[in-house]
Amino acid sequence: VLYVENKPGNVVQPGSTKRIYAEGMPSPRNATQKGDLYVVFDVIFPENNFLKKSEDYSVLEKCLPKRPLPPKNLNTSAEIIQVDMEDMASIPNSKYN
């Protein structure tokens, strides 16, 4: 299980692609080496920093459902790893730009 957090005020843009390093499919040549996992978002969200005052995010967050916590009652063989996502638009020569 991978647990990914998005920083407050950082809005995932529709059609954007994010990469999670070394959490993809195993390499056919070396099963212990994983490729990267790519996540493509197909959703509609507001623009980044659409609220002008930082305290407005706290007010908005109170109106929304609580942020989910990582699941605790998983199969005991599952490992929860908190990872970061990298914006593929910032990587030169990326086919996802």
PDB file of N, CA and C in Angstrom:
ATOM      1  N   VAL A   1       0.847  -1.162   0.000  1.00  0.00           N
ATOM      2  CA  VAL A   1       0.000   0.000   0.000  1.00  0.00           C
ATOM      3  C   VAL A   1       0.899   1.233   0.000  1.00  0.00           C
ATOM      4  N   LEU A   2       0.649   2.133  -0.917  1.00  0.00           N
ATOM      5  CA  LEU A   2       1.374   3.400  -0.954  1.00  0.00           C
ATOM      6  C   LEU A   2       0.455   4.485  -0.422  1.00  0.00           C
ATOM      7  N   TYR A   3       0.989   5.340   0.445  1.00  0.00           N
ATOM      8  CA  TYR A   3       0.237   6.450   1.008  1.00  0.00           C
ATOM      9  C   TYR A   3       0.864   7.727   0.480  1.00  0.00           C
ATOM     10  N   VAL A   4       0.089   8.519  -0.245  1.00  0.00           N
ATOM     11  CA  VAL A   4       0.595   9.738  -0.870  1.00  0.00           C
ATOM     12  C   VAL A   4      -0.164  10.925  -0.306  1.00  0.00           C
ATOM     13  N   GLU A   5       0.560  11.948   0.110  1.00  0.00           N
ATOM     14  CA  GLU A   5      -0.064  13.178   0.586  1.00  0.00           C
ATOM     15  C   GLU A   5       0.157  14.276  -0.431  1.00  0.00           C
ATOM     16  N   ASN A   6      -0.806  15.160  -0.548  1.00  0.00           N
ATOM     17  CA  ASN A   6      -0.695  16.330  -1.403  1.00  0.00           C
ATOM     18  C   ASN A   6      -0.597  17.544  -0.490  1.00  0.00           C
ATOM     19  N   LYS A   7       0.368  18.405  -0.739  1.00  0.00           N
ATOM     20  CA  LYS A   7       0.572  19.578   0.121  1.00  0.00           C
ATOM     21  C   LYS A   7      -0.620  20.531   0.021  1.00  0.00           C
ATOM     22  N   PRO A   8      -1.048  21.150   1.133  1.00  0.00           N
ATOM     23  CA  PRO A   8      -2.155  22.105   1.097  1.00  0.00           C
ATOM     24  C   PRO A   8      -1.877  23.233   0.097  1.00  0.00           C
ATOM     25  N   GLY A   9      -2.854  23.558  -0.700  1.00  0.00           N
ATOM     26  CA  GLY A   9      -2.714  24.616  -1.700  1.00  0.00           C
ATOM     27  C   GLY A   9      -2.157  24.128  -3.026  1.00  0.00           C
ATOM     28  N   ASN A  10      -1.600  22.901  -3.081  1.00  0.00           N
ATOM     29  CA  ASN A  10      -1.067  22.343  -4.310  1.00  0.00           C
ATOM     30  C   ASN A  10      -2.168  21.510  -4.967  1.00  0.00           C
ATOM     31  N   VAL A  11      -2.738  22.029  -6.037  1.00  0.00           N
ATOM     32  CA  VAL A  11      -3.867  21.382  -6.693  1.00  0.00           C
ATOM     33  C   VAL A  11      -3.368  20.526  -7.851  1.00  0.00           C
ATOM     34  N   VAL A  12      -3.793  19.282  -7.904  1.00  0.00           N
ATOM     35  CA  VAL A  12      -3.444  18.396  -9.007  1.00  0.00           C
ATOM     36  C   VAL A  12      -4.237  18.826 -10.232  1.00  0.00           C
ATOM     37  N   GLN A  13      -3.541  19.150 -11.306  1.00  0.00           N
ATOM     38  CA  GLN A  13      -4.193  19.641 -12.515  1.00  0.00           C
ATOM     39  C   GLN A  13      -4.771  18.487 -13.337  1.00  0.00           C
ATOM     40  N   PRO A  14      -5.905  18.698 -13.992  1.00  0.00           N
ATOM     41  CA  PRO A  14      -6.499  17.658 -14.828  1.00  0.00           C
ATOM     42  C   PRO A  14      -5.521  17.209 -15.915  1.00  0.00           C
ATOM     43  N   GLY A  15      -5.409  15.910 -16.109  1.00  0.00           N
ATOM     44  CA  GLY A  15      -4.542  15.355 -17.139  1.00  0.00           C
ATOM     45  C   GLY A  15      -3.077  15.331 -16.765  1.00  0.00           C
ATOM     46  N   SER A  16      -2.723  15.791 -15.557  1.00  0.00           N
ATOM     47  CA  SER A  16      -1.310  15.780 -15.174  1.00  0.00           C
ATOM     48  C   SER A  16      -0.869  14.364 -14.849  1.00  0.00           C
ATOM     49  N   THR A  17       0.419  14.138 -14.954  1.00  0.00           N
ATOM     50  CA  THR A  17       1.005  12.838 -14.657  1.00  0.00           C
ATOM     51  C   THR A  17       2.033  13.010 -13.560  1.00  0.00           C
ATOM     52  N   LYS A  18       1.969  12.158 -12.583  1.00  0.00           N
ATOM     53  CA  LYS A  18       2.930  12.167 -11.486  1.00  0.00           C
ATOM     54  C   LYS A  18       3.660  10.827 -11.495  1.00  0.00           C
ATOM     55  N   ARG A  19       4.892  10.859 -10.986  1.00  0.00           N
ATOM     56  CA  ARG A  19       5.699   9.644 -10.929  1.00  0.00           C
ATOM     57  C   ARG A  19       6.032   9.327  -9.484  1.00  0.00           C
ATOM     58  N   ILE A  20       5.924   8.060  -9.137  1.00  0.00           N
ATOM     59  CA  ILE A  20       6.381   7.572  -7.847  1.00  0.00           C
ATOM     60  C   ILE A  20       7.560   6.657  -8.145  1.00  0.00           C
ATOM     61  N   TYR A  21       8.735   7.129  -7.759  1.00  0.00           N
ATOM     62  CA  TYR A  21       9.985   6.470  -8.096  1.00  0.00           C
ATOM     63  C   TYR A  21      10.060   5.056  -7.509  1.00  0.00           C
ATOM     64  N   ALA A  22      10.411   4.103  -8.366  1.00  0.00           N
ATOM     65  CA  ALA A  22      10.703   2.714  -7.975  1.00  0.00           C
ATOM     66  C   ALA A  22       9.557   2.020  -7.245  1.00  0.00           C
ATOM     67  N   GLU A  23       8.303   2.339  -7.606  1.00  0.00           N
ATOM     68  CA  GLU A  23       7.143   1.660  -7.016  1.00  0.00           C
ATOM     69  C   GLU A  23       6.252   1.052  -8.089  1.00  0.00           C
ATOM     70  N   GLY A  24       6.771   0.913  -9.308  1.00  0.00           N
ATOM     71  CA  GLY A  24       5.994   0.334 -10.406  1.00  0.00           C
ATOM     72  C   GLY A  24       6.184  -1.171 -10.516  1.00  0.00           C
ATOM     73  N   MET A  25       5.998  -1.661 -11.722  1.00  0.00           N
ATOM     74  CA  MET A  25       6.110  -3.099 -11.986  1.00  0.00           C
ATOM     75  C   MET A  25       7.562  -3.554 -11.864  1.00  0.00           C
ATOM     76  N   PRO A  26       7.766  -4.813 -11.452  1.00  0.00           N
ATOM     77  CA  PRO A  26       9.126  -5.343 -11.385  1.00  0.00           C
ATOM     78  C   PRO A  26       9.733  -5.444 -12.788  1.00  0.00           C
ATOM     79  N   SER A  27      11.035  -5.315 -12.863  1.00  0.00           N
ATOM     80  CA  SER A  27      11.746  -5.447 -14.128  1.00  0.00           C
ATOM     81  C   SER A  27      11.688  -6.897 -14.592  1.00  0.00           C
ATOM     82  N   PRO A  28      11.453  -7.138 -15.889  1.00  0.00           N
ATOM     83  CA  PRO A  28      11.420  -8.527 -16.369  1.00  0.00           C
ATOM     84  C   PRO A  28      12.788  -9.208 -16.236  1.00  0.00           C
ATOM     85  N   ARG A  29      13.847  -8.429 -16.209  1.00  0.00           N
ATOM     86  CA  ARG A  29      15.199  -8.991 -16.109  1.00  0.00           C
ATOM     87  C   ARG A  29      15.661  -9.174 -14.668  1.00  0.00           C
ATOM     88  N   ASN A  30      15.065  -8.387 -13.764  1.00  0.00           N
ATOM     89  CA  ASN A  30      15.482  -8.437 -12.364  1.00  0.00           C
ATOM     90  C   ASN A  30      14.253  -8.174 -11.502  1.00  0.00           C
ATOM     91  N   ALA A  31      13.663  -9.221 -10.970  1.00  0.00           N
ATOM     92  CA  ALA A  31      12.395  -9.095 -10.230  1.00  0.00           C
ATOM     93  C   ALA A  31      12.524  -8.276  -8.949  1.00  0.00           C
ATOM     94  N   THR A  32      13.746  -8.060  -8.463  1.00  0.00           N
ATOM     95  CA  THR A  32      13.915  -7.265  -7.248  1.00  0.00           C
ATOM     96  C   THR A  32      13.990  -5.773  -7.551  1.00  0.00           C
ATOM     97  N   GLN A  33      14.107  -5.412  -8.828  1.00  0.00           N
ATOM     98  CA  GLN A  33      14.183  -4.000  -9.231  1.00  0.00           C
ATOM     99  C   GLN A  33      12.848  -3.577  -9.813  1.00  0.00           C
ATOM    100  N   LYS A  34      12.263  -2.530  -9.239  1.00  0.00           N
ATOM    101  CA  LYS A  34      10.969  -2.038  -9.712  1.00  0.00           C
ATOM    102  C   LYS A  34      11.161  -0.830 -10.625  1.00  0.00           C
ATOM    103  N   GLY A  35      10.262  -0.694 -11.575  1.00  0.00           N
ATOM    104  CA  GLY A  35      10.217   0.503 -12.400  1.00  0.00           C
ATOM    105  C   GLY A  35       9.464   1.600 -11.668  1.00  0.00           C
ATOM    106  N   ASP A  36       9.268   2.718 -12.334  1.00  0.00           N
ATOM    107  CA  ASP A  36       8.523   3.823 -11.738  1.00  0.00           C
ATOM    108  C   ASP A  36       7.029   3.614 -11.953  1.00  0.00           C
ATOM    109  N   LEU A  37       6.235   4.132 -11.048  1.00  0.00           N
ATOM    110  CA  LEU A  37       4.780   4.082 -11.138  1.00  0.00           C
ATOM    111  C   LEU A  37       4.294   5.448 -11.592  1.00  0.00           C
ATOM    112  N   TYR A  38       3.510   5.496 -12.654  1.00  0.00           N
ATOM    113  CA  TYR A  38       2.981   6.757 -13.173  1.00  0.00           C
ATOM    114  C   TYR A  38       1.489   6.824 -12.874  1.00  0.00           C
ATOM    115  N   VAL A  39       1.065   7.975 -12.373  1.00  0.00           N
ATOM    116  CA  VAL A  39      -0.335   8.204 -12.033  1.00  0.00           C
ATOM    117  C   VAL A  39      -0.830   9.354 -12.910  1.00  0.00           C
ATOM    118  N   VAL A  40      -1.877   9.107 -13.705  1.00  0.00           N
ATOM    119  CA  VAL A  40      -2.468  10.129 -14.569  1.00  0.00           C
ATOM    120  C   VAL A  40      -3.806  10.526 -13.946  1.00  0.00           C
ATOM    121  N   PHE A  41      -3.991  11.835 -13.726  1.00  0.00           N
ATOM    122  CA  PHE A  41      -5.198  12.340 -13.090  1.00  0.00           C
ATOM    123  C   PHE A  41      -6.171  12.858 -14.137  1.00  0.00           C
ATOM    124  N   ASP A  42      -7.402  12.398 -14.064  1.00  0.00           N
ATOM    125  CA  ASP A  42      -8.451  12.834 -14.976  1.00  0.00           C
ATOM    126  C   ASP A  42      -9.612  13.377 -14.145  1.00  0.00           C
ATOM    127  N   VAL A  43      -9.380  14.518 -13.513  1.00  0.00           N
ATOM    128  CA  VAL A  43     -10.366  15.139 -12.628  1.00  0.00           C
ATOM    129  C   VAL A  43     -10.358  16.649 -12.852  1.00  0.00           C
ATOM    130  N   ILE A  44     -11.375  17.313 -12.347  1.00  0.00           N
ATOM    131  CA  ILE A  44     -11.449  18.770 -12.464  1.00  0.00           C
ATOM    132  C   ILE A  44     -11.348  19.365 -11.058  1.00  0.00           C
ATOM    133  N   PHE A  45     -10.367  20.248 -10.868  1.00  0.00           N
ATOM    134  CA  PHE A  45     -10.130  20.906  -9.589  1.00  0.00           C
ATOM    135  C   PHE A  45      -9.981  22.403  -9.818  1.00  0.00           C
ATOM    136  N   PRO A  46     -10.031  23.207  -8.752  1.00  0.00           N
ATOM    137  CA  PRO A  46      -9.763  24.648  -8.889  1.00  0.00           C
ATOM    138  C   PRO A  46      -8.286  24.897  -9.195  1.00  0.00           C
ATOM    139  N   GLU A  47      -7.972  26.120  -9.591  1.00  0.00           N
ATOM    140  CA  GLU A  47      -6.583  26.513  -9.862  1.00  0.00           C
ATOM    141  C   GLU A  47      -5.773  26.498  -8.561  1.00  0.00           C
ATOM    142  N   ASN A  48      -4.434  26.374  -8.676  1.00  0.00           N
ATOM    143  CA  ASN A  48      -3.555  26.461  -7.501  1.00  0.00           C
ATOM    144  C   ASN A  48      -3.770  27.792  -6.784  1.00  0.00           C
ATOM    145  N   ASN A  49      -3.706  27.709  -5.474  1.00  0.00           N
ATOM    146  CA  ASN A  49      -3.792  28.897  -4.621  1.00  0.00           C
ATOM    147  C   ASN A  49      -5.000  29.771  -4.973  1.00  0.00           C
ATOM    148  N   PHE A  50      -6.138  29.119  -5.182  1.00  0.00           N
ATOM    149  CA  PHE A  50      -7.339  29.860  -5.570  1.00  0.00           C
ATOM    150  C   PHE A  50      -7.883  30.724  -4.442  1.00  0.00           C
ATOM    151  N   LEU A  51      -7.485  30.459  -3.214  1.00  0.00           N
ATOM    152  CA  LEU A  51      -7.849  31.327  -2.100  1.00  0.00           C
ATOM    153  C   LEU A  51      -6.706  32.303  -1.859  1.00  0.00           C
ATOM    154  N   LYS A  52      -7.025  33.533  -1.556  1.00  0.00           N
ATOM    155  CA  LYS A  52      -6.004  34.580  -1.427  1.00  0.00           C
ATOM    156  C   LYS A  52      -5.286  34.570  -0.077  1.00  0.00           C
ATOM    157  N   LYS A  53      -5.986  34.166   0.990  1.00  0.00           N
ATOM    158  CA  LYS A  53      -5.390  34.177   2.324  1.00  0.00           C
ATOM    159  C   LYS A  53      -5.169  32.740   2.790  1.00  0.00           C
ATOM    160  N   SER A  54      -4.003  32.469   3.371  1.00  0.00           N
ATOM    161  CA  SER A  54      -3.686  31.107   3.805  1.00  0.00           C
ATOM    162  C   SER A  54      -4.674  30.599   4.857  1.00  0.00           C
ATOM    163  N   GLU A  55      -5.188  31.493   5.693  1.00  0.00           N
ATOM    164  CA  GLU A  55      -6.147  31.037   6.713  1.00  0.00           C
ATOM    165  C   GLU A  55      -7.474  30.579   6.095  1.00  0.00           C
ATOM    166  N   ASP A  56      -7.757  31.018   4.863  1.00  0.00           N
ATOM    167  CA  ASP A  56      -8.975  30.566   4.189  1.00  0.00           C
ATOM    168  C   ASP A  56      -8.938  29.070   3.897  1.00  0.00           C
ATOM    169  N   TYR A  57      -7.734  28.506   3.753  1.00  0.00           N
ATOM    170  CA  TYR A  57      -7.631  27.060   3.530  1.00  0.00           C
ATOM    171  C   TYR A  57      -8.085  26.289   4.758  1.00  0.00           C
ATOM    172  N   SER A  58      -7.795  26.809   5.941  1.00  0.00           N
ATOM    173  CA  SER A  58      -8.263  26.168   7.172  1.00  0.00           C
ATOM    174  C   SER A  58      -9.779  26.205   7.248  1.00  0.00           C
ATOM    175  N   VAL A  59     -10.367  27.337   6.861  1.00  0.00           N
ATOM    176  CA  VAL A  59     -11.828  27.467   6.856  1.00  0.00           C
ATOM    177  C   VAL A  59     -12.427  26.477   5.862  1.00  0.00           C
ATOM    178  N   LEU A  60     -11.861  26.410   4.670  1.00  0.00           N
ATOM    179  CA  LEU A  60     -12.352  25.478   3.647  1.00  0.00           C
ATOM    180  C   LEU A  60     -12.222  24.034   4.113  1.00  0.00           C
ATOM    181  N   GLU A  61     -11.077  23.706   4.714  1.00  0.00           N
ATOM    182  CA  GLU A  61     -10.850  22.331   5.154  1.00  0.00           C
ATOM    183  C   GLU A  61     -11.887  21.889   6.181  1.00  0.00           C
ATOM    184  N   LYS A  62     -12.367  22.825   6.995  1.00  0.00           N
ATOM    185  CA  LYS A  62     -13.407  22.495   7.980  1.00  0.00           C
ATOM    186  C   LYS A  62     -14.724  22.141   7.299  1.00  0.00           C
ATOM    187  N   CYS A  63     -14.924  22.635   6.076  1.00  0.00           N
ATOM    188  CA  CYS A  63     -16.147  22.351   5.327  1.00  0.00           C
ATOM    189  C   CYS A  63     -16.089  21.000   4.601  1.00  0.00           C
ATOM    190  N   LEU A  64     -14.895  20.475   4.441  1.00  0.00           N
ATOM    191  CA  LEU A  64     -14.700  19.239   3.677  1.00  0.00           C
ATOM    192  C   LEU A  64     -14.602  18.041   4.611  1.00  0.00           C
ATOM    193  N   PRO A  65     -14.762  16.842   4.056  1.00  0.00           N
ATOM    194  CA  PRO A  65     -14.547  15.650   4.890  1.00  0.00           C
ATOM    195  C   PRO A  65     -13.115  15.622   5.404  1.00  0.00           C
ATOM    196  N   LYS A  66     -12.911  15.004   6.563  1.00  0.00           N
ATOM    197  CA  LYS A  66     -11.567  14.911   7.124  1.00  0.00           C
ATOM    198  C   LYS A  66     -10.652  14.156   6.169  1.00  0.00           C
ATOM    199  N   ARG A  67      -9.374  14.557   6.168  1.00  0.00           N
ATOM    200  CA  ARG A  67      -8.397  13.866   5.337  1.00  0.00           C
ATOM    201  C   ARG A  67      -8.300  12.418   5.799  1.00  0.00           C
ATOM    202  N   PRO A  68      -8.284  11.492   4.861  1.00  0.00           N
ATOM    203  CA  PRO A  68      -8.199  10.083   5.274  1.00  0.00           C
ATOM    204  C   PRO A  68      -6.809   9.752   5.817  1.00  0.00           C
ATOM    205  N   LEU A  69      -6.778   8.875   6.789  1.00  0.00           N
ATOM    206  CA  LEU A  69      -5.518   8.370   7.323  1.00  0.00           C
ATOM    207  C   LEU A  69      -5.175   7.083   6.577  1.00  0.00           C
ATOM    208  N   PRO A  70      -3.915   6.692   6.588  1.00  0.00           N
ATOM    209  CA  PRO A  70      -3.583   5.415   5.952  1.00  0.00           C
ATOM    210  C   PRO A  70      -4.343   4.290   6.632  1.00  0.00           C
ATOM    211  N   PRO A  71      -4.777   3.311   5.870  1.00  0.00           N
ATOM    212  CA  PRO A  71      -5.516   2.199   6.482  1.00  0.00           C
ATOM    213  C   PRO A  71      -4.654   1.473   7.513  1.00  0.00           C
ATOM    214  N   LYS A  72      -5.268   1.083   8.634  1.00  0.00           N
ATOM    215  CA  LYS A  72      -4.527   0.396   9.698  1.00  0.00           C
ATOM    216  C   LYS A  72      -4.775  -1.105   9.684  1.00  0.00           C
ATOM    217  N   ASN A  73      -5.955  -1.519   9.276  1.00  0.00           N
ATOM    218  CA  ASN A  73      -6.316  -2.936   9.342  1.00  0.00           C
ATOM    219  C   ASN A  73      -6.122  -3.605   7.992  1.00  0.00           C
ATOM    220  N   LEU A  74      -4.890  -3.664   7.555  1.00  0.00           N
ATOM    221  CA  LEU A  74      -4.583  -4.307   6.289  1.00  0.00           C
ATOM    222  C   LEU A  74      -4.065  -5.706   6.536  1.00  0.00           C
ATOM    223  N   ASN A  75      -3.983  -6.456   5.475  1.00  0.00           N
ATOM    224  CA  ASN A  75      -3.348  -7.755   5.536  1.00  0.00           C
ATOM    225  C   ASN A  75      -1.970  -7.562   6.179  1.00  0.00           C
ATOM    226  N   THR A  76      -1.594  -8.402   7.095  1.00  0.00           N
ATOM    227  CA  THR A  76      -0.333  -8.217   7.819  1.00  0.00           C
ATOM    228  C   THR A  76       0.880  -8.259   6.906  1.00  0.00           C
ATOM    229  N   SER A  77       0.746  -8.807   5.697  1.00  0.00           N
ATOM    230  CA  SER A  77       1.884  -8.848   4.787  1.00  0.00           C
ATOM    231  C   SER A  77       2.039  -7.529   4.025  1.00  0.00           C
ATOM    232  N   ALA A  78       1.017  -6.648   4.120  1.00  0.00           N
ATOM    233  CA  ALA A  78       1.091  -5.365   3.413  1.00  0.00           C
ATOM    234  C   ALA A  78       1.963  -4.400   4.196  1.00  0.00           C
ATOM    235  N   GLU A  79       2.731  -3.617   3.473  1.00  0.00           N
ATOM    236  CA  GLU A  79       3.587  -2.618   4.088  1.00  0.00           C
ATOM    237  C   GLU A  79       3.149  -1.252   3.581  1.00  0.00           C
ATOM    238  N   ILE A  80       2.924  -0.301   4.486  1.00  0.00           N
ATOM    239  CA  ILE A  80       2.538   1.053   4.100  1.00  0.00           C
ATOM    240  C   ILE A  80       3.799   1.887   3.990  1.00  0.00           C
ATOM    241  N   ILE A  81       4.017   2.459   2.812  1.00  0.00           N
ATOM    242  CA  ILE A  81       5.198   3.273   2.559  1.00  0.00           C
ATOM    243  C   ILE A  81       4.731   4.644   2.123  1.00  0.00           C
ATOM    244  N   GLN A  82       5.089   5.675   2.881  1.00  0.00           N
ATOM    245  CA  GLN A  82       4.727   7.035   2.491  1.00  0.00           C
ATOM    246  C   GLN A  82       5.721   7.508   1.439  1.00  0.00           C
ATOM    247  N   VAL A  83       5.199   7.980   0.304  1.00  0.00           N
ATOM    248  CA  VAL A  83       6.047   8.370  -0.822  1.00  0.00           C
ATOM    249  C   VAL A  83       5.689   9.776  -1.276  1.00  0.00           C
ATOM    250  N   ASP A  84       6.573  10.382  -2.064  1.00  0.00           N
ATOM    251  CA  ASP A  84       6.331  11.689  -2.656  1.00  0.00           C
ATOM    252  C   ASP A  84       6.067  11.519  -4.138  1.00  0.00           C
ATOM    253  N   MET A  85       5.243  12.398  -4.705  1.00  0.00           N
ATOM    254  CA  MET A  85       5.009  12.410  -6.142  1.00  0.00           C
ATOM    255  C   MET A  85       5.759  13.578  -6.743  1.00  0.00           C
ATOM    256  N   GLU A  86       6.287  13.375  -7.931  1.00  0.00           N
ATOM    257  CA  GLU A  86       7.060  14.381  -8.637  1.00  0.00           C
ATOM    258  C   GLU A  86       6.264  14.823  -9.857  1.00  0.00           C
ATOM    259  N   ASP A  87       6.160  16.122 -10.081  1.00  0.00           N
ATOM    260  CA  ASP A  87       5.418  16.650 -11.222  1.00  0.00           C
ATOM    261  C   ASP A  87       6.213  16.406 -12.491  1.00  0.00           C
ATOM    262  N   MET A  88       5.675  15.614 -13.402  1.00  0.00           N
ATOM    263  CA  MET A  88       6.389  15.246 -14.620  1.00  0.00           C
ATOM    264  C   MET A  88       6.575  16.440 -15.549  1.00  0.00           C
ATOM    265  N   ALA A  89       5.762  17.488 -15.401  1.00  0.00           N
ATOM    266  CA  ALA A  89       5.914  18.676 -16.245  1.00  0.00           C
ATOM    267  C   ALA A  89       7.227  19.392 -15.954  1.00  0.00           C
ATOM    268  N   SER A  90       7.828  19.143 -14.791  1.00  0.00           N
ATOM    269  CA  SER A  90       9.081  19.813 -14.436  1.00  0.00           C
ATOM    270  C   SER A  90      10.316  19.034 -14.902  1.00  0.00           C
ATOM    271  N   ILE A  91      10.119  17.862 -15.497  1.00  0.00           N
ATOM    272  CA  ILE A  91      11.250  17.057 -15.960  1.00  0.00           C
ATOM    273  C   ILE A  91      11.476  17.311 -17.438  1.00  0.00           C
ATOM    274  N   PRO A  92      12.673  17.802 -17.810  1.00  0.00           N
ATOM    275  CA  PRO A  92      12.950  18.093 -19.225  1.00  0.00           C
ATOM    276  C   PRO A  92      12.797  16.849 -20.102  1.00  0.00           C
ATOM    277  N   ASN A  93      12.295  17.058 -21.298  1.00  0.00           N
ATOM    278  CA  ASN A  93      12.138  15.992 -22.300  1.00  0.00           C
ATOM    279  C   ASN A  93      11.176  14.885 -21.871  1.00  0.00           C
ATOM    280  N   SER A  94      10.310  15.171 -20.931  1.00  0.00           N
ATOM    281  CA  SER A  94       9.323  14.171 -20.513  1.00  0.00           C
ATOM    282  C   SER A  94       8.193  14.125 -21.531  1.00  0.00           C
ATOM    283  N   LYS A  95       7.754  12.929 -21.856  1.00  0.00           N
ATOM    284  CA  LYS A  95       6.637  12.796 -22.804  1.00  0.00           C
ATOM    285  C   LYS A  95       5.320  13.226 -22.179  1.00  0.00           C
ATOM    286  N   TYR A  96       5.325  13.547 -20.880  1.00  0.00           N
ATOM    287  CA  TYR A  96       4.108  13.941 -20.182  1.00  0.00           C
ATOM    288  C   TYR A  96       3.949  15.448 -20.074  1.00  0.00           C
ATOM    289  N   ASN A  97       4.844  16.228 -20.687  1.00  0.00           N
ATOM    290  CA  ASN A  97       4.742  17.701 -20.626  1.00  0.00           C
ATOM    291  C   ASN A  97       3.598  18.198 -21.477  1.00  0.00           C
TER     292      ASN A  97
END
